[in-house]
Amino acid sequence: MTKTEFLKKYKENNLNLGEFDIELNSITDASYVMGCCFVDGEWKIYKTGERLGHYIIKVFESESDAFDYFYELVLIQHRRATEN
């Protein structure tokens, strides 16, 4: 899926990521962020914790592959945040 399709699905499904925010425009070192952005010709999926900056989870050449994978990670976080 594309970035636009991801945003539409994310909003339509009203996903709860707990303490995490989504960032799709750049890599940040802010606390508790899940992100997917285009940097240096690649789509990079990353995550941050409470401290110590970001770490890259996976890199893709294709926007559609990146957002398909990222959506699955978002769904996993949604399940974690809403169980119990």
C-alpha atoms as a PDB file:
ATOM      1  CA  MET A   1       0.000   0.000   0.000  1.00  0.00           C
ATOM      2  CA  THR A   2       1.073   3.592  -0.429  1.00  0.00           C
ATOM      3  CA  LYS A   3       1.602   6.139   2.337  1.00  0.00           C
ATOM      4  CA  THR A   4      -1.792   7.690   1.515  1.00  0.00           C
ATOM      5  CA  GLU A   5      -3.521   4.296   1.664  1.00  0.00           C
ATOM      6  CA  PHE A   6      -1.798   3.557   4.974  1.00  0.00           C
ATOM      7  CA  LEU A   7      -3.022   6.822   6.505  1.00  0.00           C
ATOM      8  CA  LYS A   8      -6.561   6.145   5.323  1.00  0.00           C
ATOM      9  CA  LYS A   9      -6.565   2.600   6.771  1.00  0.00           C
ATOM     10  CA  TYR A  10      -4.976   3.783  10.017  1.00  0.00           C
ATOM     11  CA  LYS A  11      -7.657   6.437  10.531  1.00  0.00           C
ATOM     12  CA  GLU A  12     -10.580   4.265   9.401  1.00  0.00           C
ATOM     13  CA  ASN A  13      -9.628   1.470  11.811  1.00  0.00           C
ATOM     14  CA  ASN A  14      -9.046   3.905  14.695  1.00  0.00           C
ATOM     15  CA  LEU A  15      -5.934   2.036  15.814  1.00  0.00           C
ATOM     16  CA  ASN A  16      -4.703   2.563  19.367  1.00  0.00           C
ATOM     17  CA  LEU A  17      -0.914   2.403  19.690  1.00  0.00           C
ATOM     18  CA  GLY A  18      -0.766   3.121  23.401  1.00  0.00           C
ATOM     19  CA  GLU A  19       2.135   5.449  24.159  1.00  0.00           C
ATOM     20  CA  PHE A  20       3.481   5.321  20.574  1.00  0.00           C
ATOM     21  CA  ASP A  21       3.072   8.047  17.957  1.00  0.00           C
ATOM     22  CA  ILE A  22       3.418   7.599  14.189  1.00  0.00           C
ATOM     23  CA  GLU A  23       5.938   9.608  12.137  1.00  0.00           C
ATOM     24  CA  LEU A  24       5.934   9.353   8.345  1.00  0.00           C
ATOM     25  CA  ASN A  25       7.991  12.354   7.233  1.00  0.00           C
ATOM     26  CA  SER A  26      11.395  11.953   8.869  1.00  0.00           C
ATOM     27  CA  ILE A  27      13.414   9.933  11.347  1.00  0.00           C
ATOM     28  CA  THR A  28      13.188  11.284  14.865  1.00  0.00           C
ATOM     29  CA  ASP A  29      14.752  10.372  18.183  1.00  0.00           C
ATOM     30  CA  ALA A  30      11.687  11.467  20.159  1.00  0.00           C
ATOM     31  CA  SER A  31      10.427   8.950  22.702  1.00  0.00           C
ATOM     32  CA  TYR A  32       7.958   6.240  21.674  1.00  0.00           C
ATOM     33  CA  VAL A  33       7.692   6.712  17.923  1.00  0.00           C
ATOM     34  CA  MET A  34       7.053   4.173  15.171  1.00  0.00           C
ATOM     35  CA  GLY A  35       7.965   5.483  11.753  1.00  0.00           C
ATOM     36  CA  CYS A  36       8.227   4.772   8.074  1.00  0.00           C
ATOM     37  CA  CYS A  37       9.884   7.395   5.878  1.00  0.00           C
ATOM     38  CA  PHE A  38      11.841   7.867   2.678  1.00  0.00           C
ATOM     39  CA  VAL A  39      15.502   8.655   3.404  1.00  0.00           C
ATOM     40  CA  ASP A  40      18.494   8.492   1.038  1.00  0.00           C
ATOM     41  CA  GLY A  41      16.507   6.654  -1.647  1.00  0.00           C
ATOM     42  CA  GLU A  42      15.154   3.980   0.699  1.00  0.00           C
ATOM     43  CA  TRP A  43      12.040   3.445   2.793  1.00  0.00           C
ATOM     44  CA  LYS A  44      13.152   2.963   6.395  1.00  0.00           C
ATOM     45  CA  ILE A  45      10.994   1.549   9.143  1.00  0.00           C
ATOM     46  CA  TYR A  46      12.148   2.486  12.616  1.00  0.00           C
ATOM     47  CA  LYS A  47      11.125   2.653  16.234  1.00  0.00           C
ATOM     48  CA  THR A  48      12.225   4.591  19.294  1.00  0.00           C
ATOM     49  CA  GLY A  49      11.943   3.738  22.953  1.00  0.00           C
ATOM     50  CA  GLU A  50      11.892   5.957  25.996  1.00  0.00           C
ATOM     51  CA  ARG A  51      15.563   6.890  25.512  1.00  0.00           C
ATOM     52  CA  LEU A  52      18.607   6.273  23.323  1.00  0.00           C
ATOM     53  CA  GLY A  53      17.267   7.391  19.950  1.00  0.00           C
ATOM     54  CA  HIS A  54      15.923   5.336  17.068  1.00  0.00           C
ATOM     55  CA  TYR A  55      16.764   1.987  15.556  1.00  0.00           C
ATOM     56  CA  ILE A  56      16.040   0.816  12.014  1.00  0.00           C
ATOM     57  CA  ILE A  57      13.848  -2.279  11.880  1.00  0.00           C
ATOM     58  CA  LYS A  58      13.874  -2.860   8.126  1.00  0.00           C
ATOM     59  CA  VAL A  59      14.717  -1.088   4.864  1.00  0.00           C
ATOM     60  CA  PHE A  60      12.772  -1.371   1.597  1.00  0.00           C
ATOM     61  CA  GLU A  61      13.212  -0.079  -1.936  1.00  0.00           C
ATOM     62  CA  SER A  62       9.464  -0.088  -2.593  1.00  0.00           C
ATOM     63  CA  GLU A  63       6.969   2.230  -0.876  1.00  0.00           C
ATOM     64  CA  SER A  64       4.262  -0.393  -1.130  1.00  0.00           C
ATOM     65  CA  ASP A  65       6.398  -3.140   0.480  1.00  0.00           C
ATOM     66  CA  ALA A  66       7.453  -0.745   3.234  1.00  0.00           C
ATOM     67  CA  PHE A  67       3.926   0.331   4.145  1.00  0.00           C
ATOM     68  CA  ASP A  68       2.554  -3.225   3.945  1.00  0.00           C
ATOM     69  CA  TYR A  69       5.210  -4.270   6.476  1.00  0.00           C
ATOM     70  CA  PHE A  70       4.756  -1.155   8.600  1.00  0.00           C
ATOM     71  CA  TYR A  71       0.986  -1.675   8.780  1.00  0.00           C
ATOM     72  CA  GLU A  72       1.570  -5.180  10.163  1.00  0.00           C
ATOM     73  CA  LEU A  73       3.855  -3.721  12.867  1.00  0.00           C
ATOM     74  CA  VAL A  74       1.202  -1.110  13.700  1.00  0.00           C
ATOM     75  CA  LEU A  75      -1.414  -3.865  14.040  1.00  0.00           C
ATOM     76  CA  ILE A  76       0.860  -5.782  16.423  1.00  0.00           C
ATOM     77  CA  GLN A  77       1.317  -2.649  18.554  1.00  0.00           C
ATOM     78  CA  HIS A  78      -2.454  -2.046  18.468  1.00  0.00           C
ATOM     79  CA  ARG A  79      -3.075  -5.584  19.774  1.00  0.00           C
ATOM     80  CA  ARG A  80      -0.527  -5.061  22.565  1.00  0.00           C
ATOM     81  CA  ALA A  81      -2.047  -1.714  23.538  1.00  0.00           C
ATOM     82  CA  THR A  82      -5.640  -2.980  23.582  1.00  0.00           C
ATOM     83  CA  GLU A  83      -5.308  -6.404  25.185  1.00  0.00           C
ATOM     84  CA  ASN A  84      -6.232  -6.806  28.876  1.00  0.00           C
END
